[in-house]
Amino acid sequence: MATDWAADLKKYAPDADDAVVAKMLSTYRLVLSKPDTASVAFSDEAELATVRENFLKKKLGLTLPDAELDAGIAAVGQQLAGVKRKSRLTVYYLLADRFGKLDVFR
């Protein structure tokens, strides 16, 4: 699956930090290489809970209430409305940016 993850992200964050994108690509290379895990299914509550717990809380270190984290996830979902396969890299970058945590990947 030859996907230009950075180009997809730049559709939604034209000023995305290339160094952060490169670090995220390196960090999530294995996940992005598999079709089942390369995208986020916003219709799957269990997957959204995993994004909240594993990415927002564990990776980004956020301690906000679940309702606030879920609202951030929902906002990114709205931003990507109409996109059939929502790239995990794009979702993660937009979430990190939304919560002011891009420095985690610097």
PDB file of N, CA and C in Angstrom:
ATOM      1  N   MET A   1       0.847  -1.183   0.000  1.00  0.00           N
ATOM      2  CA  MET A   1       0.000   0.000   0.000  1.00  0.00           C
ATOM      3  C   MET A   1       0.886   1.238   0.000  1.00  0.00           C
ATOM      4  N   ALA A   2       1.063   1.819  -1.150  1.00  0.00           N
ATOM      5  CA  ALA A   2       1.910   2.999  -1.275  1.00  0.00           C
ATOM      6  C   ALA A   2       1.056   4.231  -1.039  1.00  0.00           C
ATOM      7  N   THR A   3       1.159   4.787   0.142  1.00  0.00           N
ATOM      8  CA  THR A   3       0.363   5.950   0.501  1.00  0.00           C
ATOM      9  C   THR A   3       1.298   7.082   0.878  1.00  0.00           C
ATOM     10  N   ASP A   4       0.984   8.287   0.420  1.00  0.00           N
ATOM     11  CA  ASP A   4       1.757   9.447   0.827  1.00  0.00           C
ATOM     12  C   ASP A   4       1.054  10.043   2.043  1.00  0.00           C
ATOM     13  N   TRP A   5       1.441   9.548   3.199  1.00  0.00           N
ATOM     14  CA  TRP A   5       0.798   9.945   4.455  1.00  0.00           C
ATOM     15  C   TRP A   5       0.926  11.444   4.691  1.00  0.00           C
ATOM     16  N   ALA A   6       2.096  11.996   4.407  1.00  0.00           N
ATOM     17  CA  ALA A   6       2.310  13.424   4.634  1.00  0.00           C
ATOM     18  C   ALA A   6       1.415  14.268   3.727  1.00  0.00           C
ATOM     19  N   ALA A   7       1.262  13.855   2.469  1.00  0.00           N
ATOM     20  CA  ALA A   7       0.402  14.609   1.543  1.00  0.00           C
ATOM     21  C   ALA A   7      -1.045  14.585   2.014  1.00  0.00           C
ATOM     22  N   ASP A   8      -1.492  13.435   2.531  1.00  0.00           N
ATOM     23  CA  ASP A   8      -2.855  13.348   3.058  1.00  0.00           C
ATOM     24  C   ASP A   8      -3.027  14.312   4.230  1.00  0.00           C
ATOM     25  N   LEU A   9      -2.067  14.324   5.131  1.00  0.00           N
ATOM     26  CA  LEU A   9      -2.129  15.215   6.290  1.00  0.00           C
ATOM     27  C   LEU A   9      -2.167  16.675   5.866  1.00  0.00           C
ATOM     28  N   LYS A  10      -1.357  17.040   4.881  1.00  0.00           N
ATOM     29  CA  LYS A  10      -1.249  18.452   4.460  1.00  0.00           C
ATOM     30  C   LYS A  10      -2.565  18.983   3.881  1.00  0.00           C
ATOM     31  N   LYS A  11      -3.486  18.087   3.495  1.00  0.00           N
ATOM     32  CA  LYS A  11      -4.807  18.534   3.045  1.00  0.00           C
ATOM     33  C   LYS A  11      -5.561  19.203   4.193  1.00  0.00           C
ATOM     34  N   TYR A  12      -5.306  18.751   5.403  1.00  0.00           N
ATOM     35  CA  TYR A  12      -6.049  19.222   6.578  1.00  0.00           C
ATOM     36  C   TYR A  12      -5.206  20.130   7.474  1.00  0.00           C
ATOM     37  N   ALA A  13      -3.887  20.021   7.359  1.00  0.00           N
ATOM     38  CA  ALA A  13      -2.970  20.848   8.142  1.00  0.00           C
ATOM     39  C   ALA A  13      -1.842  21.281   7.200  1.00  0.00           C
ATOM     40  N   PRO A  14      -2.115  22.264   6.340  1.00  0.00           N
ATOM     41  CA  PRO A  14      -1.135  22.658   5.326  1.00  0.00           C
ATOM     42  C   PRO A  14       0.212  23.088   5.904  1.00  0.00           C
ATOM     43  N   ASP A  15       0.211  23.590   7.118  1.00  0.00           N
ATOM     44  CA  ASP A  15       1.448  24.045   7.748  1.00  0.00           C
ATOM     45  C   ASP A  15       2.019  23.008   8.708  1.00  0.00           C
ATOM     46  N   ALA A  16       1.669  21.752   8.518  1.00  0.00           N
ATOM     47  CA  ALA A  16       2.148  20.687   9.406  1.00  0.00           C
ATOM     48  C   ALA A  16       3.670  20.694   9.473  1.00  0.00           C
ATOM     49  N   ASP A  17       4.191  20.500  10.672  1.00  0.00           N
ATOM     50  CA  ASP A  17       5.633  20.482  10.920  1.00  0.00           C
ATOM     51  C   ASP A  17       6.232  19.199  10.336  1.00  0.00           C
ATOM     52  N   ASP A  18       7.097  19.353   9.337  1.00  0.00           N
ATOM     53  CA  ASP A  18       7.667  18.192   8.655  1.00  0.00           C
ATOM     54  C   ASP A  18       8.479  17.301   9.586  1.00  0.00           C
ATOM     55  N   ALA A  19       9.166  17.888  10.553  1.00  0.00           N
ATOM     56  CA  ALA A  19       9.960  17.090  11.504  1.00  0.00           C
ATOM     57  C   ALA A  19       9.043  16.235  12.377  1.00  0.00           C
ATOM     58  N   VAL A  20       7.924  16.803  12.793  1.00  0.00           N
ATOM     59  CA  VAL A  20       6.956  16.059  13.599  1.00  0.00           C
ATOM     60  C   VAL A  20       6.349  14.932  12.762  1.00  0.00           C
ATOM     61  N   VAL A  21       6.011  15.240  11.513  1.00  0.00           N
ATOM     62  CA  VAL A  21       5.434  14.233  10.623  1.00  0.00           C
ATOM     63  C   VAL A  21       6.425  13.085  10.437  1.00  0.00           C
ATOM     64  N   ALA A  22       7.697  13.411  10.217  1.00  0.00           N
ATOM     65  CA  ALA A  22       8.716  12.377  10.033  1.00  0.00           C
ATOM     66  C   ALA A  22       8.844  11.507  11.272  1.00  0.00           C
ATOM     67  N   LYS A  23       8.815  12.114  12.449  1.00  0.00           N
ATOM     68  CA  LYS A  23       8.911  11.347  13.702  1.00  0.00           C
ATOM     69  C   LYS A  23       7.676  10.459  13.878  1.00  0.00           C
ATOM     70  N   MET A  24       6.504  10.979  13.566  1.00  0.00           N
ATOM     71  CA  MET A  24       5.286  10.188  13.677  1.00  0.00           C
ATOM     72  C   MET A  24       5.316   9.020  12.687  1.00  0.00           C
ATOM     73  N   LEU A  25       5.785   9.271  11.469  1.00  0.00           N
ATOM     74  CA  LEU A  25       5.892   8.196  10.481  1.00  0.00           C
ATOM     75  C   LEU A  25       6.826   7.108  10.978  1.00  0.00           C
ATOM     76  N   SER A  26       7.918   7.518  11.598  1.00  0.00           N
ATOM     77  CA  SER A  26       8.873   6.556  12.144  1.00  0.00           C
ATOM     78  C   SER A  26       8.256   5.766  13.295  1.00  0.00           C
ATOM     79  N   THR A  27       7.563   6.468  14.170  1.00  0.00           N
ATOM     80  CA  THR A  27       6.945   5.844  15.344  1.00  0.00           C
ATOM     81  C   THR A  27       5.844   4.863  14.955  1.00  0.00           C
ATOM     82  N   TYR A  28       5.040   5.215  13.981  1.00  0.00           N
ATOM     83  CA  TYR A  28       3.860   4.413  13.625  1.00  0.00           C
ATOM     84  C   TYR A  28       4.019   3.665  12.305  1.00  0.00           C
ATOM     85  N   ARG A  29       5.241   3.477  11.835  1.00  0.00           N
ATOM     86  CA  ARG A  29       5.505   2.801  10.556  1.00  0.00           C
ATOM     87  C   ARG A  29       4.818   1.442  10.464  1.00  0.00           C
ATOM     88  N   LEU A  30       4.935   0.626  11.497  1.00  0.00           N
ATOM     89  CA  LEU A  30       4.345  -0.717  11.462  1.00  0.00           C
ATOM     90  C   LEU A  30       2.818  -0.644  11.388  1.00  0.00           C
ATOM     91  N   VAL A  31       2.231   0.214  12.200  1.00  0.00           N
ATOM     92  CA  VAL A  31       0.770   0.369  12.212  1.00  0.00           C
ATOM     93  C   VAL A  31       0.273   0.854  10.849  1.00  0.00           C
ATOM     94  N   LEU A  32       1.003   1.791  10.252  1.00  0.00           N
ATOM     95  CA  LEU A  32       0.593   2.356   8.970  1.00  0.00           C
ATOM     96  C   LEU A  32       0.797   1.379   7.810  1.00  0.00           C
ATOM     97  N   SER A  33       1.627   0.372   8.014  1.00  0.00           N
ATOM     98  CA  SER A  33       1.903  -0.576   6.932  1.00  0.00           C
ATOM     99  C   SER A  33       0.810  -1.630   6.763  1.00  0.00           C
ATOM    100  N   LYS A  34      -0.100  -1.720   7.721  1.00  0.00           N
ATOM    101  CA  LYS A  34      -1.168  -2.718   7.668  1.00  0.00           C
ATOM    102  C   LYS A  34      -2.506  -2.047   7.331  1.00  0.00           C
ATOM    103  N   PRO A  35      -3.185  -2.524   6.307  1.00  0.00           N
ATOM    104  CA  PRO A  35      -4.448  -1.899   5.902  1.00  0.00           C
ATOM    105  C   PRO A  35      -5.490  -1.823   7.030  1.00  0.00           C
ATOM    106  N   ASP A  36      -5.515  -2.831   7.910  1.00  0.00           N
ATOM    107  CA  ASP A  36      -6.522  -2.833   8.993  1.00  0.00           C
ATOM    108  C   ASP A  36      -6.283  -1.727  10.013  1.00  0.00           C
ATOM    109  N   THR A  37      -5.017  -1.364  10.215  1.00  0.00           N
ATOM    110  CA  THR A  37      -4.701  -0.406  11.279  1.00  0.00           C
ATOM    111  C   THR A  37      -4.246   0.949  10.745  1.00  0.00           C
ATOM    112  N   ALA A  38      -4.130   1.103   9.447  1.00  0.00           N
ATOM    113  CA  ALA A  38      -3.644   2.352   8.861  1.00  0.00           C
ATOM    114  C   ALA A  38      -4.683   3.474   8.938  1.00  0.00           C
ATOM    115  N   SER A  39      -5.926   3.110   9.168  1.00  0.00           N
ATOM    116  CA  SER A  39      -6.963   4.130   9.271  1.00  0.00           C
ATOM    117  C   SER A  39      -7.734   3.954  10.573  1.00  0.00           C
ATOM    118  N   VAL A  40      -8.412   5.021  10.948  1.00  0.00           N
ATOM    119  CA  VAL A  40      -9.216   5.020  12.176  1.00  0.00           C
ATOM    120  C   VAL A  40     -10.682   4.957  11.782  1.00  0.00           C
ATOM    121  N   ALA A  41     -11.386   3.985  12.334  1.00  0.00           N
ATOM    122  CA  ALA A  41     -12.826   3.841  12.075  1.00  0.00           C
ATOM    123  C   ALA A  41     -13.596   4.610  13.148  1.00  0.00           C
ATOM    124  N   PHE A  42     -14.081   5.773  12.792  1.00  0.00           N
ATOM    125  CA  PHE A  42     -14.798   6.608  13.752  1.00  0.00           C
ATOM    126  C   PHE A  42     -16.155   6.032  14.126  1.00  0.00           C
ATOM    127  N   SER A  43     -16.607   5.024  13.399  1.00  0.00           N
ATOM    128  CA  SER A  43     -17.888   4.383  13.721  1.00  0.00           C
ATOM    129  C   SER A  43     -17.711   3.264  14.749  1.00  0.00           C
ATOM    130  N   ASP A  44     -16.488   2.953  15.105  1.00  0.00           N
ATOM    131  CA  ASP A  44     -16.187   1.867  16.044  1.00  0.00           C
ATOM    132  C   ASP A  44     -15.821   2.449  17.411  1.00  0.00           C
ATOM    133  N   GLU A  45     -16.767   2.378  18.343  1.00  0.00           N
ATOM    134  CA  GLU A  45     -16.560   2.952  19.687  1.00  0.00           C
ATOM    135  C   GLU A  45     -15.345   2.363  20.393  1.00  0.00           C
ATOM    136  N   ALA A  46     -15.101   1.056  20.211  1.00  0.00           N
ATOM    137  CA  ALA A  46     -13.952   0.420  20.853  1.00  0.00           C
ATOM    138  C   ALA A  46     -12.643   0.998  20.311  1.00  0.00           C
ATOM    139  N   GLU A  47     -12.606   1.264  19.019  1.00  0.00           N
ATOM    140  CA  GLU A  47     -11.397   1.849  18.442  1.00  0.00           C
ATOM    141  C   GLU A  47     -11.183   3.271  18.941  1.00  0.00           C
ATOM    142  N   LEU A  48     -12.250   4.033  19.051  1.00  0.00           N
ATOM    143  CA  LEU A  48     -12.120   5.399  19.557  1.00  0.00           C
ATOM    144  C   LEU A  48     -11.657   5.403  21.011  1.00  0.00           C
ATOM    145  N   ALA A  49     -12.114   4.428  21.785  1.00  0.00           N
ATOM    146  CA  ALA A  49     -11.657   4.304  23.173  1.00  0.00           C
ATOM    147  C   ALA A  49     -10.166   3.968  23.208  1.00  0.00           C
ATOM    148  N   THR A  50      -9.717   3.151  22.273  1.00  0.00           N
ATOM    149  CA  THR A  50      -8.296   2.814  22.188  1.00  0.00           C
ATOM    150  C   THR A  50      -7.474   4.041  21.816  1.00  0.00           C
ATOM    151  N   VAL A  51      -7.972   4.853  20.889  1.00  0.00           N
ATOM    152  CA  VAL A  51      -7.280   6.098  20.525  1.00  0.00           C
ATOM    153  C   VAL A  51      -7.174   6.988  21.767  1.00  0.00           C
ATOM    154  N   ARG A  52      -8.258   7.094  22.509  1.00  0.00           N
ATOM    155  CA  ARG A  52      -8.258   7.918  23.721  1.00  0.00           C
ATOM    156  C   ARG A  52      -7.253   7.388  24.741  1.00  0.00           C
ATOM    157  N   GLU A  53      -7.340   6.100  25.038  1.00  0.00           N
ATOM    158  CA  GLU A  53      -6.504   5.526  26.096  1.00  0.00           C
ATOM    159  C   GLU A  53      -5.026   5.406  25.702  1.00  0.00           C
ATOM    160  N   ASN A  54      -4.773   4.877  24.499  1.00  0.00           N
ATOM    161  CA  ASN A  54      -3.395   4.590  24.113  1.00  0.00           C
ATOM    162  C   ASN A  54      -2.665   5.774  23.495  1.00  0.00           C
ATOM    163  N   PHE A  55      -3.377   6.584  22.727  1.00  0.00           N
ATOM    164  CA  PHE A  55      -2.693   7.711  22.105  1.00  0.00           C
ATOM    165  C   PHE A  55      -2.785   8.966  22.972  1.00  0.00           C
ATOM    166  N   LEU A  56      -4.001   9.381  23.293  1.00  0.00           N
ATOM    167  CA  LEU A  56      -4.141  10.640  24.024  1.00  0.00           C
ATOM    168  C   LEU A  56      -3.603  10.556  25.449  1.00  0.00           C
ATOM    169  N   LYS A  57      -3.944   9.505  26.156  1.00  0.00           N
ATOM    170  CA  LYS A  57      -3.513   9.406  27.554  1.00  0.00           C
ATOM    171  C   LYS A  57      -2.077   8.893  27.695  1.00  0.00           C
ATOM    172  N   LYS A  58      -1.788   7.755  27.063  1.00  0.00           N
ATOM    173  CA  LYS A  58      -0.467   7.150  27.251  1.00  0.00           C
ATOM    174  C   LYS A  58       0.617   7.886  26.468  1.00  0.00           C
ATOM    175  N   LYS A  59       0.422   8.065  25.172  1.00  0.00           N
ATOM    176  CA  LYS A  59       1.469   8.670  24.338  1.00  0.00           C
ATOM    177  C   LYS A  59       1.607  10.164  24.591  1.00  0.00           C
ATOM    178  N   LEU A  60       0.470  10.873  24.604  1.00  0.00           N
ATOM    179  CA  LEU A  60       0.537  12.319  24.782  1.00  0.00           C
ATOM    180  C   LEU A  60       0.542  12.743  26.248  1.00  0.00           C
ATOM    181  N   GLY A  61       0.190  11.831  27.144  1.00  0.00           N
ATOM    182  CA  GLY A  61       0.204  12.146  28.574  1.00  0.00           C
ATOM    183  C   GLY A  61      -0.917  13.051  29.031  1.00  0.00           C
ATOM    184  N   LEU A  62      -2.015  13.067  28.315  1.00  0.00           N
ATOM    185  CA  LEU A  62      -3.142  13.931  28.686  1.00  0.00           C
ATOM    186  C   LEU A  62      -3.895  13.363  29.884  1.00  0.00           C
ATOM    187  N   THR A  63      -4.327  14.254  30.764  1.00  0.00           N
ATOM    188  CA  THR A  63      -5.053  13.847  31.968  1.00  0.00           C
ATOM    189  C   THR A  63      -6.432  14.497  32.039  1.00  0.00           C
ATOM    190  N   LEU A  64      -6.888  15.047  30.942  1.00  0.00           N
ATOM    191  CA  LEU A  64      -8.213  15.664  30.895  1.00  0.00           C
ATOM    192  C   LEU A  64      -9.280  14.595  31.093  1.00  0.00           C
ATOM    193  N   PRO A  65     -10.472  14.993  31.517  1.00  0.00           N
ATOM    194  CA  PRO A  65     -11.578  14.021  31.636  1.00  0.00           C
ATOM    195  C   PRO A  65     -11.880  13.367  30.284  1.00  0.00           C
ATOM    196  N   ASP A  66     -12.329  12.127  30.335  1.00  0.00           N
ATOM    197  CA  ASP A  66     -12.647  11.384  29.114  1.00  0.00           C
ATOM    198  C   ASP A  66     -13.597  12.155  28.200  1.00  0.00           C
ATOM    199  N   ALA A  67     -14.552  12.864  28.774  1.00  0.00           N
ATOM    200  CA  ALA A  67     -15.516  13.607  27.961  1.00  0.00           C
ATOM    201  C   ALA A  67     -14.812  14.661  27.104  1.00  0.00           C
ATOM    202  N   GLU A  68     -13.806  15.321  27.650  1.00  0.00           N
ATOM    203  CA  GLU A  68     -13.066  16.333  26.889  1.00  0.00           C
ATOM    204  C   GLU A  68     -12.212  15.681  25.805  1.00  0.00           C
ATOM    205  N   LEU A  69     -11.597  14.563  26.144  1.00  0.00           N
ATOM    206  CA  LEU A  69     -10.799  13.839  25.160  1.00  0.00           C
ATOM    207  C   LEU A  69     -11.678  13.320  24.034  1.00  0.00           C
ATOM    208  N   ASP A  70     -12.840  12.776  24.400  1.00  0.00           N
ATOM    209  CA  ASP A  70     -13.784  12.270  23.405  1.00  0.00           C
ATOM    210  C   ASP A  70     -14.295  13.404  22.504  1.00  0.00           C
ATOM    211  N   ALA A  71     -14.494  14.583  23.084  1.00  0.00           N
ATOM    212  CA  ALA A  71     -14.933  15.738  22.291  1.00  0.00           C
ATOM    213  C   ALA A  71     -13.856  16.129  21.280  1.00  0.00           C
ATOM    214  N   GLY A  72     -12.592  16.036  21.672  1.00  0.00           N
ATOM    215  CA  GLY A  72     -11.494  16.322  20.749  1.00  0.00           C
ATOM    216  C   GLY A  72     -11.448  15.318  19.616  1.00  0.00           C
ATOM    217  N   ILE A  73     -11.639  14.049  19.949  1.00  0.00           N
ATOM    218  CA  ILE A  73     -11.677  12.994  18.926  1.00  0.00           C
ATOM    219  C   ILE A  73     -12.843  13.248  17.974  1.00  0.00           C
ATOM    220  N   ALA A  74     -14.004  13.581  18.519  1.00  0.00           N
ATOM    221  CA  ALA A  74     -15.187  13.845  17.693  1.00  0.00           C
ATOM    222  C   ALA A  74     -14.955  15.053  16.780  1.00  0.00           C
ATOM    223  N   ALA A  75     -14.281  16.079  17.280  1.00  0.00           N
ATOM    224  CA  ALA A  75     -14.003  17.276  16.476  1.00  0.00           C
ATOM    225  C   ALA A  75     -13.101  16.923  15.290  1.00  0.00           C
ATOM    226  N   VAL A  76     -12.097  16.091  15.522  1.00  0.00           N
ATOM    227  CA  VAL A  76     -11.222  15.655  14.424  1.00  0.00           C
ATOM    228  C   VAL A  76     -12.039  14.815  13.439  1.00  0.00           C
ATOM    229  N   GLY A  77     -12.924  13.971  13.946  1.00  0.00           N
ATOM    230  CA  GLY A  77     -13.799  13.195  13.071  1.00  0.00           C
ATOM    231  C   GLY A  77     -14.640  14.095  12.189  1.00  0.00           C
ATOM    232  N   GLN A  78     -15.152  15.186  12.757  1.00  0.00           N
ATOM    233  CA  GLN A  78     -15.947  16.149  11.985  1.00  0.00           C
ATOM    234  C   GLN A  78     -15.085  16.830  10.927  1.00  0.00           C
ATOM    235  N   GLN A  79     -13.840  17.147  11.308  1.00  0.00           N
ATOM    236  CA  GLN A  79     -12.922  17.795  10.372  1.00  0.00           C
ATOM    237  C   GLN A  79     -12.669  16.899   9.156  1.00  0.00           C
ATOM    238  N   LEU A  80     -12.691  15.595   9.378  1.00  0.00           N
ATOM    239  CA  LEU A  80     -12.432  14.628   8.310  1.00  0.00           C
ATOM    240  C   LEU A  80     -13.722  14.034   7.735  1.00  0.00           C
ATOM    241  N   ALA A  81     -14.854  14.642   8.052  1.00  0.00           N
ATOM    242  CA  ALA A  81     -16.141  14.136   7.565  1.00  0.00           C
ATOM    243  C   ALA A  81     -16.116  14.025   6.050  1.00  0.00           C
ATOM    244  N   GLY A  82     -16.655  12.935   5.556  1.00  0.00           N
ATOM    245  CA  GLY A  82     -16.708  12.709   4.125  1.00  0.00           C
ATOM    246  C   GLY A  82     -15.525  11.917   3.596  1.00  0.00           C
ATOM    247  N   VAL A  83     -14.520  11.726   4.435  1.00  0.00           N
ATOM    248  CA  VAL A  83     -13.355  10.935   4.036  1.00  0.00           C
ATOM    249  C   VAL A  83     -13.634   9.498   4.444  1.00  0.00           C
ATOM    250  N   LYS A  84     -13.605   8.594   3.475  1.00  0.00           N
ATOM    251  CA  LYS A  84     -13.956   7.203   3.761  1.00  0.00           C
ATOM    252  C   LYS A  84     -12.932   6.535   4.676  1.00  0.00           C
ATOM    253  N   ARG A  85     -11.655   6.621   4.329  1.00  0.00           N
ATOM    254  CA  ARG A  85     -10.592   6.003   5.129  1.00  0.00           C
ATOM    255  C   ARG A  85      -9.771   7.110   5.774  1.00  0.00           C
ATOM    256  N   LYS A  86      -9.993   7.312   7.048  1.00  0.00           N
ATOM    257  CA  LYS A  86      -9.317   8.379   7.781  1.00  0.00           C
ATOM    258  C   LYS A  86      -7.940   7.895   8.231  1.00  0.00           C
ATOM    259  N   SER A  87      -6.906   8.437   7.639  1.00  0.00           N
ATOM    260  CA  SER A  87      -5.531   8.047   7.918  1.00  0.00           C
ATOM    261  C   SER A  87      -5.200   8.202   9.403  1.00  0.00           C
ATOM    262  N   ARG A  88      -4.629   7.153   9.979  1.00  0.00           N
ATOM    263  CA  ARG A  88      -4.244   7.193  11.396  1.00  0.00           C
ATOM    264  C   ARG A  88      -3.229   8.306  11.641  1.00  0.00           C
ATOM    265  N   LEU A  89      -2.290   8.498  10.721  1.00  0.00           N
ATOM    266  CA  LEU A  89      -1.298   9.556  10.892  1.00  0.00           C
ATOM    267  C   LEU A  89      -1.979  10.915  10.929  1.00  0.00           C
ATOM    268  N   THR A  90      -2.908  11.145  10.023  1.00  0.00           N
ATOM    269  CA  THR A  90      -3.626  12.416   9.991  1.00  0.00           C
ATOM    270  C   THR A  90      -4.424  12.617  11.271  1.00  0.00           C
ATOM    271  N   VAL A  91      -5.130  11.597  11.697  1.00  0.00           N
ATOM    272  CA  VAL A  91      -5.925  11.687  12.935  1.00  0.00           C
ATOM    273  C   VAL A  91      -5.010  11.992  14.117  1.00  0.00           C
ATOM    274  N   TYR A  92      -3.925  11.246  14.247  1.00  0.00           N
ATOM    275  CA  TYR A  92      -3.009  11.448  15.375  1.00  0.00           C
ATOM    276  C   TYR A  92      -2.375  12.838  15.349  1.00  0.00           C
ATOM    277  N   TYR A  93      -1.962  13.295  14.173  1.00  0.00           N
ATOM    278  CA  TYR A  93      -1.359  14.631  14.088  1.00  0.00           C
ATOM    279  C   TYR A  93      -2.381  15.697  14.495  1.00  0.00           C
ATOM    280  N   LEU A  94      -3.582  15.607  13.934  1.00  0.00           N
ATOM    281  CA  LEU A  94      -4.611  16.601  14.248  1.00  0.00           C
ATOM    282  C   LEU A  94      -4.972  16.589  15.731  1.00  0.00           C
ATOM    283  N   LEU A  95      -4.998  15.405  16.340  1.00  0.00           N
ATOM    284  CA  LEU A  95      -5.274  15.328  17.779  1.00  0.00           C
ATOM    285  C   LEU A  95      -4.130  15.941  18.585  1.00  0.00           C
ATOM    286  N   ALA A  96      -2.899  15.601  18.237  1.00  0.00           N
ATOM    287  CA  ALA A  96      -1.749  16.158  18.964  1.00  0.00           C
ATOM    288  C   ALA A  96      -1.732  17.681  18.833  1.00  0.00           C
ATOM    289  N   ASP A  97      -2.039  18.184  17.658  1.00  0.00           N
ATOM    290  CA  ASP A  97      -2.087  19.624  17.436  1.00  0.00           C
ATOM    291  C   ASP A  97      -3.222  20.253  18.243  1.00  0.00           C
ATOM    292  N   ARG A  98      -4.396  19.633  18.202  1.00  0.00           N
ATOM    293  CA  ARG A  98      -5.565  20.158  18.919  1.00  0.00           C
ATOM    294  C   ARG A  98      -5.296  20.296  20.421  1.00  0.00           C
ATOM    295  N   PHE A  99      -4.570  19.328  20.972  1.00  0.00           N
ATOM    296  CA  PHE A  99      -4.300  19.335  22.417  1.00  0.00           C
ATOM    297  C   PHE A  99      -2.945  19.956  22.760  1.00  0.00           C
ATOM    298  N   GLY A 100      -2.294  20.583  21.780  1.00  0.00           N
ATOM    299  CA  GLY A 100      -1.033  21.273  22.043  1.00  0.00           C
ATOM    300  C   GLY A 100       0.108  20.347  22.437  1.00  0.00           C
ATOM    301  N   LYS A 101       0.150  19.162  21.851  1.00  0.00           N
ATOM    302  CA  LYS A 101       1.143  18.155  22.235  1.00  0.00           C
ATOM    303  C   LYS A 101       2.051  17.713  21.092  1.00  0.00           C
ATOM    304  N   LEU A 102       2.232  18.535  20.076  1.00  0.00           N
ATOM    305  CA  LEU A 102       3.110  18.157  18.976  1.00  0.00           C
ATOM    306  C   LEU A 102       4.558  17.999  19.458  1.00  0.00           C
ATOM    307  N   ASP A 103       4.926  18.689  20.539  1.00  0.00           N
ATOM    308  CA  ASP A 103       6.298  18.592  21.070  1.00  0.00           C
ATOM    309  C   ASP A 103       6.671  17.182  21.486  1.00  0.00           C
ATOM    310  N   VAL A 104       5.694  16.333  21.753  1.00  0.00           N
ATOM    311  CA  VAL A 104       5.972  14.938  22.105  1.00  0.00           C
ATOM    312  C   VAL A 104       6.752  14.257  20.977  1.00  0.00           C
ATOM    313  N   PHE A 105       6.577  14.738  19.756  1.00  0.00           N
ATOM    314  CA  PHE A 105       7.217  14.123  18.593  1.00  0.00           C
ATOM    315  C   PHE A 105       8.404  14.923  18.066  1.00  0.00           C
ATOM    316  N   ARG A 106       8.892  15.860  18.842  1.00  0.00           N
ATOM    317  CA  ARG A 106      10.055  16.650  18.406  1.00  0.00           C
ATOM    318  C   ARG A 106      11.313  16.067  18.959  1.00  0.00           C
TER     319      ARG A 106
END
